[in-house]
N, C-alpha and C. Protein backbone atom coordinates (compact mmCIF):
# COMPACT_ATOMS: atom_id res chain seq x y z
N MET A 1 -1.60 22.35 4.74
CA MET A 1 -2.84 21.62 4.79
C MET A 1 -3.18 21.21 6.21
N LYS A 2 -4.36 21.34 6.60
CA LYS A 2 -4.80 21.03 7.97
C LYS A 2 -5.07 19.49 8.06
N THR A 3 -4.97 19.02 9.29
CA THR A 3 -5.19 17.57 9.58
C THR A 3 -6.57 17.11 9.10
N GLN A 4 -7.57 17.99 9.24
CA GLN A 4 -8.95 17.58 8.79
C GLN A 4 -8.96 17.37 7.26
N GLU A 5 -8.19 18.14 6.52
CA GLU A 5 -8.13 18.02 5.07
C GLU A 5 -7.48 16.68 4.74
N TYR A 6 -6.43 16.27 5.50
CA TYR A 6 -5.78 14.99 5.22
C TYR A 6 -6.74 13.86 5.59
N LYS A 7 -7.51 13.98 6.65
CA LYS A 7 -8.49 13.01 7.02
C LYS A 7 -9.51 12.81 5.89
N THR A 8 -9.96 13.92 5.31
CA THR A 8 -10.90 13.83 4.17
C THR A 8 -10.26 13.09 3.00
N LEU A 9 -9.03 13.44 2.65
CA LEU A 9 -8.29 12.80 1.59
C LEU A 9 -8.17 11.28 1.81
N LEU A 10 -7.78 10.95 3.03
CA LEU A 10 -7.55 9.53 3.40
C LEU A 10 -8.87 8.75 3.33
N THR A 11 -9.90 9.35 3.82
CA THR A 11 -11.28 8.75 3.78
C THR A 11 -11.74 8.48 2.31
N LYS A 12 -11.46 9.47 1.47
CA LYS A 12 -11.82 9.35 0.06
C LYS A 12 -11.01 8.20 -0.59
N LYS A 13 -9.71 8.10 -0.18
CA LYS A 13 -8.86 7.06 -0.74
C LYS A 13 -9.40 5.71 -0.30
N LEU A 14 -9.85 5.54 0.94
CA LEU A 14 -10.43 4.28 1.38
C LEU A 14 -11.60 3.93 0.55
N GLN A 15 -12.47 4.90 0.28
CA GLN A 15 -13.68 4.67 -0.51
C GLN A 15 -13.32 4.22 -1.92
N GLU A 16 -12.25 4.91 -2.47
CA GLU A 16 -11.86 4.56 -3.82
C GLU A 16 -11.29 3.12 -3.90
N ILE A 17 -10.49 2.74 -2.90
CA ILE A 17 -9.96 1.41 -2.84
C ILE A 17 -11.13 0.35 -2.75
N SER A 18 -12.08 0.69 -1.93
CA SER A 18 -13.22 -0.24 -1.73
C SER A 18 -14.06 -0.44 -2.96
N LYS A 19 -14.02 0.51 -3.90
CA LYS A 19 -14.74 0.40 -5.12
C LYS A 19 -14.12 -0.49 -6.15
N GLN A 20 -12.92 -0.95 -5.88
CA GLN A 20 -12.15 -1.79 -6.80
C GLN A 20 -12.02 -3.24 -6.34
N PRO A 21 -13.18 -3.87 -6.05
CA PRO A 21 -13.07 -5.26 -5.51
C PRO A 21 -12.65 -6.24 -6.59
N VAL A 22 -12.08 -7.28 -6.13
CA VAL A 22 -11.67 -8.35 -6.95
C VAL A 22 -12.78 -9.45 -6.80
N SER A 23 -13.40 -9.85 -7.95
CA SER A 23 -14.48 -10.79 -7.89
C SER A 23 -13.94 -12.20 -7.59
N PRO A 24 -14.75 -13.04 -6.93
CA PRO A 24 -14.32 -14.40 -6.66
C PRO A 24 -14.03 -15.17 -7.94
N GLU A 25 -14.71 -14.84 -9.07
CA GLU A 25 -14.40 -15.51 -10.31
C GLU A 25 -12.96 -15.22 -10.80
N GLU A 26 -12.44 -14.07 -10.44
CA GLU A 26 -11.08 -13.71 -10.88
C GLU A 26 -10.04 -14.56 -10.19
N ILE A 27 -10.30 -14.99 -8.99
CA ILE A 27 -9.30 -15.76 -8.25
C ILE A 27 -9.61 -17.24 -8.07
N ALA A 28 -10.76 -17.65 -8.64
CA ALA A 28 -11.19 -19.06 -8.57
C ALA A 28 -10.20 -19.92 -9.37
N ILE A 29 -9.91 -21.10 -8.83
CA ILE A 29 -9.11 -22.03 -9.51
C ILE A 29 -9.97 -22.94 -10.38
N GLU A 30 -9.65 -22.92 -11.66
CA GLU A 30 -10.43 -23.72 -12.60
C GLU A 30 -9.45 -24.53 -13.39
N ARG A 31 -9.90 -25.73 -13.75
CA ARG A 31 -9.04 -26.60 -14.65
C ARG A 31 -9.61 -26.50 -16.00
N ASN A 32 -8.74 -26.36 -16.96
CA ASN A 32 -9.12 -26.33 -18.39
C ASN A 32 -8.44 -27.46 -19.10
N ALA A 33 -9.12 -27.96 -20.10
CA ALA A 33 -8.60 -29.06 -20.93
C ALA A 33 -7.40 -28.56 -21.76
N GLU A 34 -7.50 -27.36 -22.21
CA GLU A 34 -6.43 -26.75 -23.06
C GLU A 34 -5.34 -26.16 -22.21
N LEU A 35 -4.12 -26.52 -22.50
CA LEU A 35 -2.98 -26.06 -21.73
C LEU A 35 -2.85 -24.48 -21.83
N MET A 36 -3.05 -23.91 -22.97
CA MET A 36 -2.90 -22.49 -23.14
C MET A 36 -3.98 -21.72 -22.32
N ASP A 37 -5.18 -22.29 -22.32
CA ASP A 37 -6.27 -21.70 -21.49
C ASP A 37 -5.91 -21.75 -20.04
N GLU A 38 -5.37 -22.88 -19.58
CA GLU A 38 -4.93 -23.05 -18.24
C GLU A 38 -3.83 -22.01 -17.84
N ILE A 39 -2.89 -21.79 -18.74
CA ILE A 39 -1.79 -20.85 -18.48
C ILE A 39 -2.32 -19.45 -18.43
N GLN A 40 -3.21 -19.09 -19.37
CA GLN A 40 -3.83 -17.77 -19.35
C GLN A 40 -4.62 -17.53 -18.10
N ARG A 41 -5.42 -18.47 -17.74
CA ARG A 41 -6.26 -18.35 -16.52
C ARG A 41 -5.37 -18.20 -15.27
N THR A 42 -4.31 -18.96 -15.21
CA THR A 42 -3.39 -18.92 -14.06
C THR A 42 -2.82 -17.50 -14.01
N SER A 43 -2.35 -16.99 -15.16
CA SER A 43 -1.77 -15.65 -15.21
C SER A 43 -2.77 -14.58 -14.79
N GLU A 44 -4.00 -14.67 -15.23
CA GLU A 44 -5.05 -13.71 -14.83
C GLU A 44 -5.31 -13.83 -13.35
N ARG A 45 -5.33 -15.03 -12.76
CA ARG A 45 -5.56 -15.24 -11.36
C ARG A 45 -4.43 -14.56 -10.55
N GLU A 46 -3.18 -14.79 -11.00
CA GLU A 46 -2.08 -14.18 -10.27
C GLU A 46 -2.09 -12.64 -10.32
N LEU A 47 -2.54 -12.04 -11.44
CA LEU A 47 -2.65 -10.63 -11.50
C LEU A 47 -3.73 -10.13 -10.58
N ALA A 48 -4.86 -10.85 -10.53
CA ALA A 48 -5.96 -10.43 -9.59
C ALA A 48 -5.54 -10.54 -8.15
N MET A 49 -4.78 -11.60 -7.83
CA MET A 49 -4.27 -11.74 -6.47
C MET A 49 -3.29 -10.63 -6.11
N ALA A 50 -2.41 -10.26 -7.04
CA ALA A 50 -1.53 -9.14 -6.78
C ALA A 50 -2.24 -7.85 -6.56
N ALA A 51 -3.30 -7.62 -7.35
CA ALA A 51 -4.11 -6.42 -7.18
C ALA A 51 -4.84 -6.43 -5.81
N LEU A 52 -5.28 -7.55 -5.42
CA LEU A 52 -5.91 -7.71 -4.13
C LEU A 52 -4.95 -7.43 -3.00
N THR A 53 -3.73 -7.92 -3.13
CA THR A 53 -2.69 -7.70 -2.11
C THR A 53 -2.31 -6.20 -2.06
N ARG A 54 -2.13 -5.58 -3.22
CA ARG A 54 -1.79 -4.11 -3.15
C ARG A 54 -2.96 -3.32 -2.51
N SER A 55 -4.17 -3.70 -2.84
CA SER A 55 -5.35 -3.05 -2.29
C SER A 55 -5.34 -3.16 -0.75
N TRP A 56 -5.13 -4.38 -0.26
CA TRP A 56 -5.16 -4.63 1.14
C TRP A 56 -3.97 -3.89 1.85
N GLU A 57 -2.80 -3.85 1.24
CA GLU A 57 -1.66 -3.14 1.86
C GLU A 57 -1.95 -1.64 1.93
N LEU A 58 -2.51 -1.09 0.83
CA LEU A 58 -2.85 0.33 0.83
C LEU A 58 -3.93 0.67 1.88
N LYS A 59 -4.93 -0.19 1.93
CA LYS A 59 -6.01 0.01 2.95
C LYS A 59 -5.40 0.02 4.39
N THR A 60 -4.40 -0.89 4.63
CA THR A 60 -3.76 -0.91 5.93
C THR A 60 -3.03 0.34 6.22
N LEU A 61 -2.26 0.86 5.20
CA LEU A 61 -1.55 2.13 5.38
C LEU A 61 -2.50 3.35 5.62
N VAL A 62 -3.58 3.36 4.85
CA VAL A 62 -4.54 4.50 5.02
C VAL A 62 -5.22 4.42 6.37
N ASN A 63 -5.60 3.25 6.79
CA ASN A 63 -6.24 3.11 8.12
C ASN A 63 -5.25 3.49 9.23
N ALA A 64 -3.98 3.13 9.10
CA ALA A 64 -2.98 3.43 10.11
C ALA A 64 -2.82 5.02 10.10
N ALA A 65 -2.85 5.60 8.96
CA ALA A 65 -2.74 7.10 8.95
C ALA A 65 -3.98 7.73 9.64
N LEU A 66 -5.13 7.24 9.44
CA LEU A 66 -6.32 7.72 10.11
C LEU A 66 -6.22 7.51 11.59
N ASP A 67 -5.62 6.41 12.05
CA ASP A 67 -5.42 6.17 13.43
C ASP A 67 -4.46 7.15 14.03
N ARG A 68 -3.42 7.52 13.22
CA ARG A 68 -2.43 8.51 13.70
C ARG A 68 -3.06 9.90 13.81
N ILE A 69 -4.00 10.19 12.92
CA ILE A 69 -4.75 11.47 13.05
C ILE A 69 -5.50 11.46 14.32
N ALA A 70 -6.21 10.36 14.57
CA ALA A 70 -7.05 10.28 15.81
C ALA A 70 -6.22 10.39 17.07
N SER A 71 -4.96 9.87 17.04
CA SER A 71 -4.17 9.88 18.23
C SER A 71 -3.28 11.10 18.33
N GLY A 72 -3.31 11.97 17.28
CA GLY A 72 -2.52 13.17 17.28
C GLY A 72 -1.09 12.98 16.84
N GLU A 73 -0.79 11.83 16.25
CA GLU A 73 0.58 11.50 15.86
C GLU A 73 0.81 11.62 14.36
N TYR A 74 -0.20 12.13 13.67
CA TYR A 74 -0.12 12.21 12.20
C TYR A 74 0.89 13.30 11.80
N GLY A 75 1.65 12.99 10.73
CA GLY A 75 2.65 13.90 10.20
C GLY A 75 3.97 13.83 10.91
N ILE A 76 4.13 12.84 11.83
CA ILE A 76 5.36 12.63 12.56
C ILE A 76 5.99 11.34 12.03
N CYS A 77 7.27 11.36 11.67
CA CYS A 77 7.94 10.18 11.19
C CYS A 77 7.96 9.12 12.27
N GLN A 78 7.64 7.90 11.89
CA GLN A 78 7.57 6.79 12.82
C GLN A 78 8.95 6.33 13.24
N GLU A 79 9.95 6.74 12.46
CA GLU A 79 11.39 6.32 12.77
C GLU A 79 12.12 7.38 13.59
N CYS A 80 12.23 8.57 13.08
CA CYS A 80 13.02 9.59 13.78
C CYS A 80 12.22 10.61 14.59
N GLU A 81 10.88 10.52 14.51
CA GLU A 81 9.97 11.36 15.21
C GLU A 81 10.04 12.79 14.87
N GLU A 82 10.59 13.12 13.65
CA GLU A 82 10.65 14.46 13.19
C GLU A 82 9.40 14.66 12.27
N PRO A 83 8.97 15.91 12.07
CA PRO A 83 7.80 16.16 11.22
C PRO A 83 8.06 15.69 9.77
N ILE A 84 7.02 15.14 9.15
CA ILE A 84 7.04 14.74 7.76
C ILE A 84 6.70 16.02 6.99
N SER A 85 7.43 16.25 5.88
CA SER A 85 7.19 17.50 5.13
C SER A 85 5.79 17.55 4.59
N GLU A 86 5.25 18.76 4.51
CA GLU A 86 3.92 19.05 3.95
C GLU A 86 3.87 18.54 2.49
N ARG A 87 4.98 18.76 1.81
CA ARG A 87 5.02 18.31 0.39
C ARG A 87 4.84 16.78 0.27
N ARG A 88 5.51 16.06 1.17
CA ARG A 88 5.43 14.58 1.15
C ARG A 88 4.01 14.13 1.47
N LEU A 89 3.42 14.75 2.49
CA LEU A 89 2.14 14.37 2.96
C LEU A 89 1.04 14.69 1.87
N LYS A 90 1.26 15.79 1.10
CA LYS A 90 0.34 16.08 -0.01
C LYS A 90 0.43 15.01 -1.09
N ALA A 91 1.63 14.53 -1.33
CA ALA A 91 1.82 13.52 -2.34
C ALA A 91 1.38 12.14 -1.88
N ILE A 92 1.71 11.83 -0.64
CA ILE A 92 1.31 10.49 -0.01
C ILE A 92 0.82 10.71 1.36
N PRO A 93 -0.46 11.00 1.47
CA PRO A 93 -1.04 11.32 2.80
C PRO A 93 -0.91 10.24 3.83
N TRP A 94 -0.68 8.97 3.42
CA TRP A 94 -0.56 7.86 4.37
C TRP A 94 0.90 7.57 4.74
N ALA A 95 1.82 8.48 4.30
CA ALA A 95 3.26 8.30 4.58
C ALA A 95 3.56 8.13 6.10
N GLU A 96 4.33 7.13 6.43
CA GLU A 96 4.66 6.87 7.83
C GLU A 96 6.03 7.45 8.18
N HIS A 97 6.86 7.73 7.17
CA HIS A 97 8.22 8.19 7.37
C HIS A 97 8.56 9.45 6.58
N CYS A 98 9.47 10.22 7.09
CA CYS A 98 9.96 11.36 6.35
C CYS A 98 10.78 10.81 5.17
N ILE A 99 11.14 11.72 4.23
CA ILE A 99 11.89 11.27 3.04
C ILE A 99 13.18 10.57 3.43
N ARG A 100 13.98 11.21 4.35
CA ARG A 100 15.26 10.67 4.74
C ARG A 100 15.15 9.21 5.31
N CYS A 101 14.20 9.02 6.22
CA CYS A 101 14.04 7.70 6.82
C CYS A 101 13.47 6.71 5.82
N GLN A 102 12.56 7.14 4.89
CA GLN A 102 12.00 6.26 3.89
C GLN A 102 13.14 5.80 2.94
N GLU A 103 13.99 6.69 2.53
CA GLU A 103 15.12 6.32 1.64
C GLU A 103 16.02 5.32 2.36
N LYS A 104 16.31 5.56 3.64
CA LYS A 104 17.13 4.63 4.37
C LYS A 104 16.53 3.31 4.51
N LEU A 105 15.23 3.24 4.67
CA LEU A 105 14.51 2.02 4.77
C LEU A 105 14.52 1.27 3.46
N GLU A 106 14.34 1.95 2.40
CA GLU A 106 14.34 1.34 1.07
C GLU A 106 15.78 0.79 0.70
N ARG A 107 16.80 1.52 1.09
CA ARG A 107 18.14 1.04 0.82
C ARG A 107 18.40 -0.22 1.65
N THR A 108 17.87 -0.28 2.82
CA THR A 108 18.02 -1.49 3.67
C THR A 108 17.31 -2.70 3.01
N ILE A 109 16.07 -2.42 2.51
CA ILE A 109 15.34 -3.52 1.88
C ILE A 109 16.01 -3.95 0.62
N GLU A 110 16.55 -3.01 -0.19
CA GLU A 110 17.19 -3.35 -1.40
C GLU A 110 18.49 -4.13 -1.21
N ALA A 111 19.16 -3.84 -0.11
CA ALA A 111 20.44 -4.48 0.17
C ALA A 111 20.26 -5.87 0.78
N ARG A 112 19.13 -6.13 1.35
CA ARG A 112 18.88 -7.42 1.99
C ARG A 112 19.03 -8.61 1.08
N PRO A 113 18.42 -8.60 -0.09
CA PRO A 113 18.61 -9.77 -1.03
C PRO A 113 20.03 -10.00 -1.38
N LEU A 114 20.84 -8.95 -1.56
CA LEU A 114 22.23 -9.09 -1.93
C LEU A 114 22.97 -9.76 -0.80
N ALA A 115 22.68 -9.33 0.43
CA ALA A 115 23.40 -9.89 1.57
C ALA A 115 23.00 -11.35 1.79
N GLU A 116 21.76 -11.68 1.55
CA GLU A 116 21.31 -13.06 1.72
C GLU A 116 21.89 -13.98 0.62
N ALA A 117 22.15 -13.41 -0.51
CA ALA A 117 22.69 -14.26 -1.61
C ALA A 117 24.21 -14.54 -1.43
N ALA A 118 24.85 -13.67 -0.67
CA ALA A 118 26.33 -13.85 -0.48
C ALA A 118 26.65 -14.96 0.42
């Protein structure tokens, strides 16, 4: 796949993300007289905030990938500077790392809470 095709995919992904806004009503703090209503509303607000966070994080990754295309660094692992496989880029066009470096990064992140608890 050519870089222009990835740019098109990434641009479409940005548009898709932008079409999923979280309304102010979903995250507004409201007080309810009924405890169960309050609990349900709090739960709904937390879900909306989590969706908003995921959307923001994905937008950040997609914009960073578009920046890498513009600078000519797209498809190069940010860690080892080796090419990211075509297969990985087709699956995750905003990928910053090759599979090997991504797995190493995830193992480090997973091990961190265990080390902190010890």
